[in-house]
Amino acid sequence: MAFSKYFGISIDTLVKTDLAVLPESQVRQLERGYDVYIRGTSLRILATTVGTDNEENIELVPRKQSRI
């Protein structure tokens, strides 16, 4: 966590990305603070609802899943 905080790079990037093989342009983007895991370009938001009993509800979507 200290490396992540010091360099301003998410732990996901540090763990999932081999920084040694990144092109120099992408390394420069990381140095400038553009990290896809921090900026949220890979972020997916899933909405859920909770009933009065504090249990999650199962949502029924009457159509096939599609990418937006």
PDB file of N, CA and C in Angstrom:
ATOM      1  N   MET A   1       0.820  -1.180   0.000  1.00  0.00           N
ATOM      2  CA  MET A   1       0.000   0.000   0.000  1.00  0.00           C
ATOM      3  C   MET A   1       0.872   1.255   0.000  1.00  0.00           C
ATOM      4  N   ALA A   2       2.026   1.173   0.629  1.00  0.00           N
ATOM      5  CA  ALA A   2       2.920   2.331   0.656  1.00  0.00           C
ATOM      6  C   ALA A   2       3.423   2.672  -0.743  1.00  0.00           C
ATOM      7  N   PHE A   3       3.759   1.650  -1.545  1.00  0.00           N
ATOM      8  CA  PHE A   3       4.192   1.893  -2.921  1.00  0.00           C
ATOM      9  C   PHE A   3       3.069   2.550  -3.716  1.00  0.00           C
ATOM     10  N   SER A   4       1.861   2.034  -3.554  1.00  0.00           N
ATOM     11  CA  SER A   4       0.708   2.570  -4.266  1.00  0.00           C
ATOM     12  C   SER A   4       0.500   4.043  -3.935  1.00  0.00           C
ATOM     13  N   LYS A   5       0.560   4.347  -2.665  1.00  0.00           N
ATOM     14  CA  LYS A   5       0.353   5.734  -2.235  1.00  0.00           C
ATOM     15  C   LYS A   5       1.501   6.634  -2.705  1.00  0.00           C
ATOM     16  N   TYR A   6       2.730   6.173  -2.564  1.00  0.00           N
ATOM     17  CA  TYR A   6       3.897   6.971  -2.933  1.00  0.00           C
ATOM     18  C   TYR A   6       3.913   7.311  -4.421  1.00  0.00           C
ATOM     19  N   PHE A   7       3.649   6.299  -5.275  1.00  0.00           N
ATOM     20  CA  PHE A   7       3.719   6.509  -6.713  1.00  0.00           C
ATOM     21  C   PHE A   7       2.398   6.968  -7.321  1.00  0.00           C
ATOM     22  N   GLY A   8       1.321   6.950  -6.544  1.00  0.00           N
ATOM     23  CA  GLY A   8       0.018   7.352  -7.064  1.00  0.00           C
ATOM     24  C   GLY A   8      -0.533   6.376  -8.083  1.00  0.00           C
ATOM     25  N   ILE A   9      -0.179   5.123  -7.917  1.00  0.00           N
ATOM     26  CA  ILE A   9      -0.629   4.062  -8.830  1.00  0.00           C
ATOM     27  C   ILE A   9      -1.440   3.070  -8.006  1.00  0.00           C
ATOM     28  N   SER A  10      -2.561   2.636  -8.535  1.00  0.00           N
ATOM     29  CA  SER A  10      -3.417   1.726  -7.784  1.00  0.00           C
ATOM     30  C   SER A  10      -2.729   0.388  -7.537  1.00  0.00           C
ATOM     31  N   ILE A  11      -3.156  -0.267  -6.487  1.00  0.00           N
ATOM     32  CA  ILE A  11      -2.626  -1.599  -6.179  1.00  0.00           C
ATOM     33  C   ILE A  11      -2.968  -2.559  -7.307  1.00  0.00           C
ATOM     34  N   ASP A  12      -4.149  -2.412  -7.917  1.00  0.00           N
ATOM     35  CA  ASP A  12      -4.528  -3.266  -9.054  1.00  0.00           C
ATOM     36  C   ASP A  12      -3.503  -3.165 -10.173  1.00  0.00           C
ATOM     37  N   THR A  13      -3.076  -1.962 -10.487  1.00  0.00           N
ATOM     38  CA  THR A  13      -2.081  -1.773 -11.542  1.00  0.00           C
ATOM     39  C   THR A  13      -0.747  -2.392 -11.142  1.00  0.00           C
ATOM     40  N   LEU A  14      -0.329  -2.164  -9.901  1.00  0.00           N
ATOM     41  CA  LEU A  14       0.943  -2.722  -9.442  1.00  0.00           C
ATOM     42  C   LEU A  14       0.947  -4.244  -9.465  1.00  0.00           C
ATOM     43  N   VAL A  15      -0.191  -4.860  -9.166  1.00  0.00           N
ATOM     44  CA  VAL A  15      -0.264  -6.318  -9.088  1.00  0.00           C
ATOM     45  C   VAL A  15      -0.557  -6.947 -10.444  1.00  0.00           C
ATOM     46  N   LYS A  16      -1.438  -6.349 -11.214  1.00  0.00           N
ATOM     47  CA  LYS A  16      -1.910  -6.972 -12.452  1.00  0.00           C
ATOM     48  C   LYS A  16      -1.106  -6.605 -13.699  1.00  0.00           C
ATOM     49  N   THR A  17      -0.308  -5.555 -13.634  1.00  0.00           N
ATOM     50  CA  THR A  17       0.382  -5.066 -14.823  1.00  0.00           C
ATOM     51  C   THR A  17       1.884  -5.241 -14.681  1.00  0.00           C
ATOM     52  N   ASP A  18       2.502  -5.811 -15.708  1.00  0.00           N
ATOM     53  CA  ASP A  18       3.958  -5.913 -15.737  1.00  0.00           C
ATOM     54  C   ASP A  18       4.475  -4.585 -16.265  1.00  0.00           C
ATOM     55  N   LEU A  19       4.862  -3.704 -15.351  1.00  0.00           N
ATOM     56  CA  LEU A  19       5.280  -2.358 -15.730  1.00  0.00           C
ATOM     57  C   LEU A  19       6.538  -2.362 -16.592  1.00  0.00           C
ATOM     58  N   ALA A  20       7.334  -3.426 -16.516  1.00  0.00           N
ATOM     59  CA  ALA A  20       8.579  -3.509 -17.292  1.00  0.00           C
ATOM     60  C   ALA A  20       8.320  -3.652 -18.787  1.00  0.00           C
ATOM     61  N   VAL A  21       7.143  -4.143 -19.171  1.00  0.00           N
ATOM     62  CA  VAL A  21       6.866  -4.345 -20.597  1.00  0.00           C
ATOM     63  C   VAL A  21       5.944  -3.267 -21.176  1.00  0.00           C
ATOM     64  N   LEU A  22       5.542  -2.300 -20.364  1.00  0.00           N
ATOM     65  CA  LEU A  22       4.684  -1.226 -20.870  1.00  0.00           C
ATOM     66  C   LEU A  22       5.479  -0.307 -21.781  1.00  0.00           C
ATOM     67  N   PRO A  23       4.850   0.175 -22.847  1.00  0.00           N
ATOM     68  CA  PRO A  23       5.508   1.179 -23.683  1.00  0.00           C
ATOM     69  C   PRO A  23       5.780   2.448 -22.865  1.00  0.00           C
ATOM     70  N   GLU A  24       6.797   3.169 -23.252  1.00  0.00           N
ATOM     71  CA  GLU A  24       7.185   4.374 -22.520  1.00  0.00           C
ATOM     72  C   GLU A  24       6.038   5.375 -22.416  1.00  0.00           C
ATOM     73  N   SER A  25       5.206   5.447 -23.452  1.00  0.00           N
ATOM     74  CA  SER A  25       4.086   6.395 -23.431  1.00  0.00           C
ATOM     75  C   SER A  25       3.101   6.051 -22.314  1.00  0.00           C
ATOM     76  N   GLN A  26       2.854   4.773 -22.083  1.00  0.00           N
ATOM     77  CA  GLN A  26       1.935   4.372 -21.015  1.00  0.00           C
ATOM     78  C   GLN A  26       2.559   4.592 -19.637  1.00  0.00           C
ATOM     79  N   VAL A  27       3.855   4.390 -19.527  1.00  0.00           N
ATOM     80  CA  VAL A  27       4.537   4.659 -18.258  1.00  0.00           C
ATOM     81  C   VAL A  27       4.435   6.147 -17.937  1.00  0.00           C
ATOM     82  N   ARG A  28       4.614   6.998 -18.941  1.00  0.00           N
ATOM     83  CA  ARG A  28       4.490   8.447 -18.731  1.00  0.00           C
ATOM     84  C   ARG A  28       3.078   8.816 -18.291  1.00  0.00           C
ATOM     85  N   GLN A  29       2.066   8.144 -18.869  1.00  0.00           N
ATOM     86  CA  GLN A  29       0.689   8.404 -18.453  1.00  0.00           C
ATOM     87  C   GLN A  29       0.496   8.047 -16.983  1.00  0.00           C
ATOM     88  N   LEU A  30       1.052   6.919 -16.569  1.00  0.00           N
ATOM     89  CA  LEU A  30       0.961   6.532 -15.160  1.00  0.00           C
ATOM     90  C   LEU A  30       1.652   7.553 -14.270  1.00  0.00           C
ATOM     91  N   GLU A  31       2.814   8.041 -14.704  1.00  0.00           N
ATOM     92  CA  GLU A  31       3.554   9.044 -13.929  1.00  0.00           C
ATOM     93  C   GLU A  31       2.777  10.347 -13.799  1.00  0.00           C
ATOM     94  N   ARG A  32       1.969  10.673 -14.825  1.00  0.00           N
ATOM     95  CA  ARG A  32       1.162  11.901 -14.790  1.00  0.00           C
ATOM     96  C   ARG A  32      -0.137  11.707 -14.027  1.00  0.00           C
ATOM     97  N   GLY A  33      -0.378  10.488 -13.527  1.00  0.00           N
ATOM     98  CA  GLY A  33      -1.572  10.258 -12.719  1.00  0.00           C
ATOM     99  C   GLY A  33      -2.722   9.622 -13.457  1.00  0.00           C
ATOM    100  N   TYR A  34      -2.527   9.226 -14.709  1.00  0.00           N
ATOM    101  CA  TYR A  34      -3.616   8.579 -15.435  1.00  0.00           C
ATOM    102  C   TYR A  34      -3.498   7.071 -15.260  1.00  0.00           C
ATOM    103  N   ASP A  35      -4.230   6.555 -14.305  1.00  0.00           N
ATOM    104  CA  ASP A  35      -4.257   5.124 -14.011  1.00  0.00           C
ATOM    105  C   ASP A  35      -5.700   4.669 -14.213  1.00  0.00           C
ATOM    106  N   VAL A  36      -5.928   3.736 -15.119  1.00  0.00           N
ATOM    107  CA  VAL A  36      -7.300   3.337 -15.441  1.00  0.00           C
ATOM    108  C   VAL A  36      -8.058   2.819 -14.229  1.00  0.00           C
ATOM    109  N   TYR A  37      -7.364   2.211 -13.287  1.00  0.00           N
ATOM    110  CA  TYR A  37      -8.045   1.703 -12.104  1.00  0.00           C
ATOM    111  C   TYR A  37      -8.413   2.822 -11.140  1.00  0.00           C
ATOM    112  N   ILE A  38      -7.644   3.901 -11.128  1.00  0.00           N
ATOM    113  CA  ILE A  38      -7.954   5.036 -10.257  1.00  0.00           C
ATOM    114  C   ILE A  38      -8.978   5.938 -10.919  1.00  0.00           C
ATOM    115  N   ARG A  39      -8.833   6.191 -12.211  1.00  0.00           N
ATOM    116  CA  ARG A  39      -9.732   7.093 -12.934  1.00  0.00           C
ATOM    117  C   ARG A  39     -11.102   6.488 -13.190  1.00  0.00           C
ATOM    118  N   GLY A  40     -11.197   5.163 -13.138  1.00  0.00           N
ATOM    119  CA  GLY A  40     -12.496   4.532 -13.282  1.00  0.00           C
ATOM    120  C   GLY A  40     -12.891   4.148 -14.690  1.00  0.00           C
ATOM    121  N   THR A  41     -11.973   4.174 -15.652  1.00  0.00           N
ATOM    122  CA  THR A  41     -12.364   3.781 -17.000  1.00  0.00           C
ATOM    123  C   THR A  41     -12.655   2.292 -17.087  1.00  0.00           C
ATOM    124  N   SER A  42     -12.178   1.519 -16.125  1.00  0.00           N
ATOM    125  CA  SER A  42     -12.498   0.093 -16.074  1.00  0.00           C
ATOM    126  C   SER A  42     -13.555  -0.196 -15.016  1.00  0.00           C
ATOM    127  N   LEU A  43     -14.120   0.846 -14.452  1.00  0.00           N
ATOM    128  CA  LEU A  43     -15.083   0.715 -13.380  1.00  0.00           C
ATOM    129  C   LEU A  43     -16.448   0.328 -13.926  1.00  0.00           C
ATOM    130  N   ARG A  44     -17.061  -0.634 -13.284  1.00  0.00           N
ATOM    131  CA  ARG A  44     -18.427  -1.032 -13.637  1.00  0.00           C
ATOM    132  C   ARG A  44     -19.281  -0.910 -12.388  1.00  0.00           C
ATOM    133  N   ILE A  45     -20.390  -0.236 -12.492  1.00  0.00           N
ATOM    134  CA  ILE A  45     -21.263  -0.031 -11.348  1.00  0.00           C
ATOM    135  C   ILE A  45     -22.446  -0.973 -11.469  1.00  0.00           C
ATOM    136  N   LEU A  46     -22.648  -1.756 -10.431  1.00  0.00           N
ATOM    137  CA  LEU A  46     -23.781  -2.666 -10.389  1.00  0.00           C
ATOM    138  C   LEU A  46     -24.737  -2.169  -9.313  1.00  0.00           C
ATOM    139  N   ALA A  47     -25.971  -1.927  -9.704  1.00  0.00           N
ATOM    140  CA  ALA A  47     -26.957  -1.427  -8.757  1.00  0.00           C
ATOM    141  C   ALA A  47     -27.665  -2.595  -8.077  1.00  0.00           C
ATOM    142  N   THR A  48     -27.856  -2.464  -6.784  1.00  0.00           N
ATOM    143  CA  THR A  48     -28.632  -3.448  -6.031  1.00  0.00           C
ATOM    144  C   THR A  48     -29.599  -2.702  -5.135  1.00  0.00           C
ATOM    145  N   THR A  49     -30.615  -3.383  -4.739  1.00  0.00           N
ATOM    146  CA  THR A  49     -31.552  -2.806  -3.777  1.00  0.00           C
ATOM    147  C   THR A  49     -31.600  -3.704  -2.554  1.00  0.00           C
ATOM    148  N   VAL A  50     -31.983  -3.106  -1.436  1.00  0.00           N
ATOM    149  CA  VAL A  50     -32.050  -3.830  -0.171  1.00  0.00           C
ATOM    150  C   VAL A  50     -33.449  -3.654   0.386  1.00  0.00           C
ATOM    151  N   GLY A  51     -34.029  -4.755   0.840  1.00  0.00           N
ATOM    152  CA  GLY A  51     -35.372  -4.711   1.408  1.00  0.00           C
ATOM    153  C   GLY A  51     -35.370  -4.183   2.830  1.00  0.00           C
ATOM    154  N   THR A  52     -36.545  -4.039   3.409  1.00  0.00           N
ATOM    155  CA  THR A  52     -36.667  -3.532   4.779  1.00  0.00           C
ATOM    156  C   THR A  52     -36.028  -4.463   5.796  1.00  0.00           C
ATOM    157  N   ASP A  53     -35.838  -5.728   5.410  1.00  0.00           N
ATOM    158  CA  ASP A  53     -35.187  -6.698   6.301  1.00  0.00           C
ATOM    159  C   ASP A  53     -33.663  -6.683   6.138  1.00  0.00           C
ATOM    160  N   ASN A  54     -33.146  -5.708   5.369  1.00  0.00           N
ATOM    161  CA  ASN A  54     -31.717  -5.530   5.104  1.00  0.00           C
ATOM    162  C   ASN A  54     -31.119  -6.659   4.268  1.00  0.00           C
ATOM    163  N   GLU A  55     -31.939  -7.367   3.536  1.00  0.00           N
ATOM    164  CA  GLU A  55     -31.484  -8.415   2.621  1.00  0.00           C
ATOM    165  C   GLU A  55     -31.483  -7.862   1.198  1.00  0.00           C
ATOM    166  N   GLU A  56     -30.464  -8.261   0.412  1.00  0.00           N
ATOM    167  CA  GLU A  56     -30.408  -7.806  -0.974  1.00  0.00           C
ATOM    168  C   GLU A  56     -31.529  -8.444  -1.778  1.00  0.00           C
ATOM    169  N   ASN A  57     -32.115  -7.659  -2.652  1.00  0.00           N
ATOM    170  CA  ASN A  57     -33.151  -8.162  -3.544  1.00  0.00           C
ATOM    171  C   ASN A  57     -32.517  -8.695  -4.816  1.00  0.00           C
ATOM    172  N   ILE A  58     -33.142  -9.698  -5.399  1.00  0.00           N
ATOM    173  CA  ILE A  58     -32.699 -10.209  -6.696  1.00  0.00           C
ATOM    174  C   ILE A  58     -33.497  -9.478  -7.762  1.00  0.00           C
ATOM    175  N   GLU A  59     -32.776  -8.809  -8.651  1.00  0.00           N
ATOM    176  CA  GLU A  59     -33.428  -8.022  -9.695  1.00  0.00           C
ATOM    177  C   GLU A  59     -33.642  -8.895 -10.924  1.00  0.00           C
ATOM    178  N   LEU A  60     -34.818  -8.853 -11.489  1.00  0.00           N
ATOM    179  CA  LEU A  60     -35.140  -9.578 -12.709  1.00  0.00           C
ATOM    180  C   LEU A  60     -35.097  -8.601 -13.869  1.00  0.00           C
ATOM    181  N   VAL A  61     -34.248  -8.883 -14.839  1.00  0.00           N
ATOM    182  CA  VAL A  61     -34.137  -8.049 -16.029  1.00  0.00           C
ATOM    183  C   VAL A  61     -34.674  -8.871 -17.188  1.00  0.00           C
ATOM    184  N   PRO A  62     -35.780  -8.463 -17.776  1.00  0.00           N
ATOM    185  CA  PRO A  62     -36.455  -9.293 -18.781  1.00  0.00           C
ATOM    186  C   PRO A  62     -35.861  -9.216 -20.191  1.00  0.00           C
ATOM    187  N   ARG A  63     -34.554  -9.021 -20.306  1.00  0.00           N
ATOM    188  CA  ARG A  63     -33.939  -9.036 -21.629  1.00  0.00           C
ATOM    189  C   ARG A  63     -32.496  -9.485 -21.512  1.00  0.00           C
ATOM    190  N   LYS A  64     -31.926  -9.865 -22.637  1.00  0.00           N
ATOM    191  CA  LYS A  64     -30.571 -10.385 -22.675  1.00  0.00           C
ATOM    192  C   LYS A  64     -29.567  -9.294 -22.326  1.00  0.00           C
ATOM    193  N   GLN A  65     -28.494  -9.694 -21.640  1.00  0.00           N
ATOM    194  CA  GLN A  65     -27.439  -8.752 -21.266  1.00  0.00           C
ATOM    195  C   GLN A  65     -26.766  -8.218 -22.515  1.00  0.00           C
ATOM    196  N   SER A  66     -26.410  -6.942 -22.485  1.00  0.00           N
ATOM    197  CA  SER A  66     -25.689  -6.340 -23.602  1.00  0.00           C
ATOM    198  C   SER A  66     -24.669  -5.355 -23.062  1.00  0.00           C
ATOM    199  N   ARG A  67     -23.642  -5.087 -23.839  1.00  0.00           N
ATOM    200  CA  ARG A  67     -22.629  -4.108 -23.435  1.00  0.00           C
ATOM    201  C   ARG A  67     -23.092  -2.731 -23.850  1.00  0.00           C
ATOM    202  N   ILE A  68     -22.826  -1.775 -23.017  1.00  0.00           N
ATOM    203  CA  ILE A  68     -23.219  -0.386 -23.312  1.00  0.00           C
ATOM    204  C   ILE A  68     -22.109   0.295 -24.051  1.00  0.00           C
TER     205      ILE A  68
END
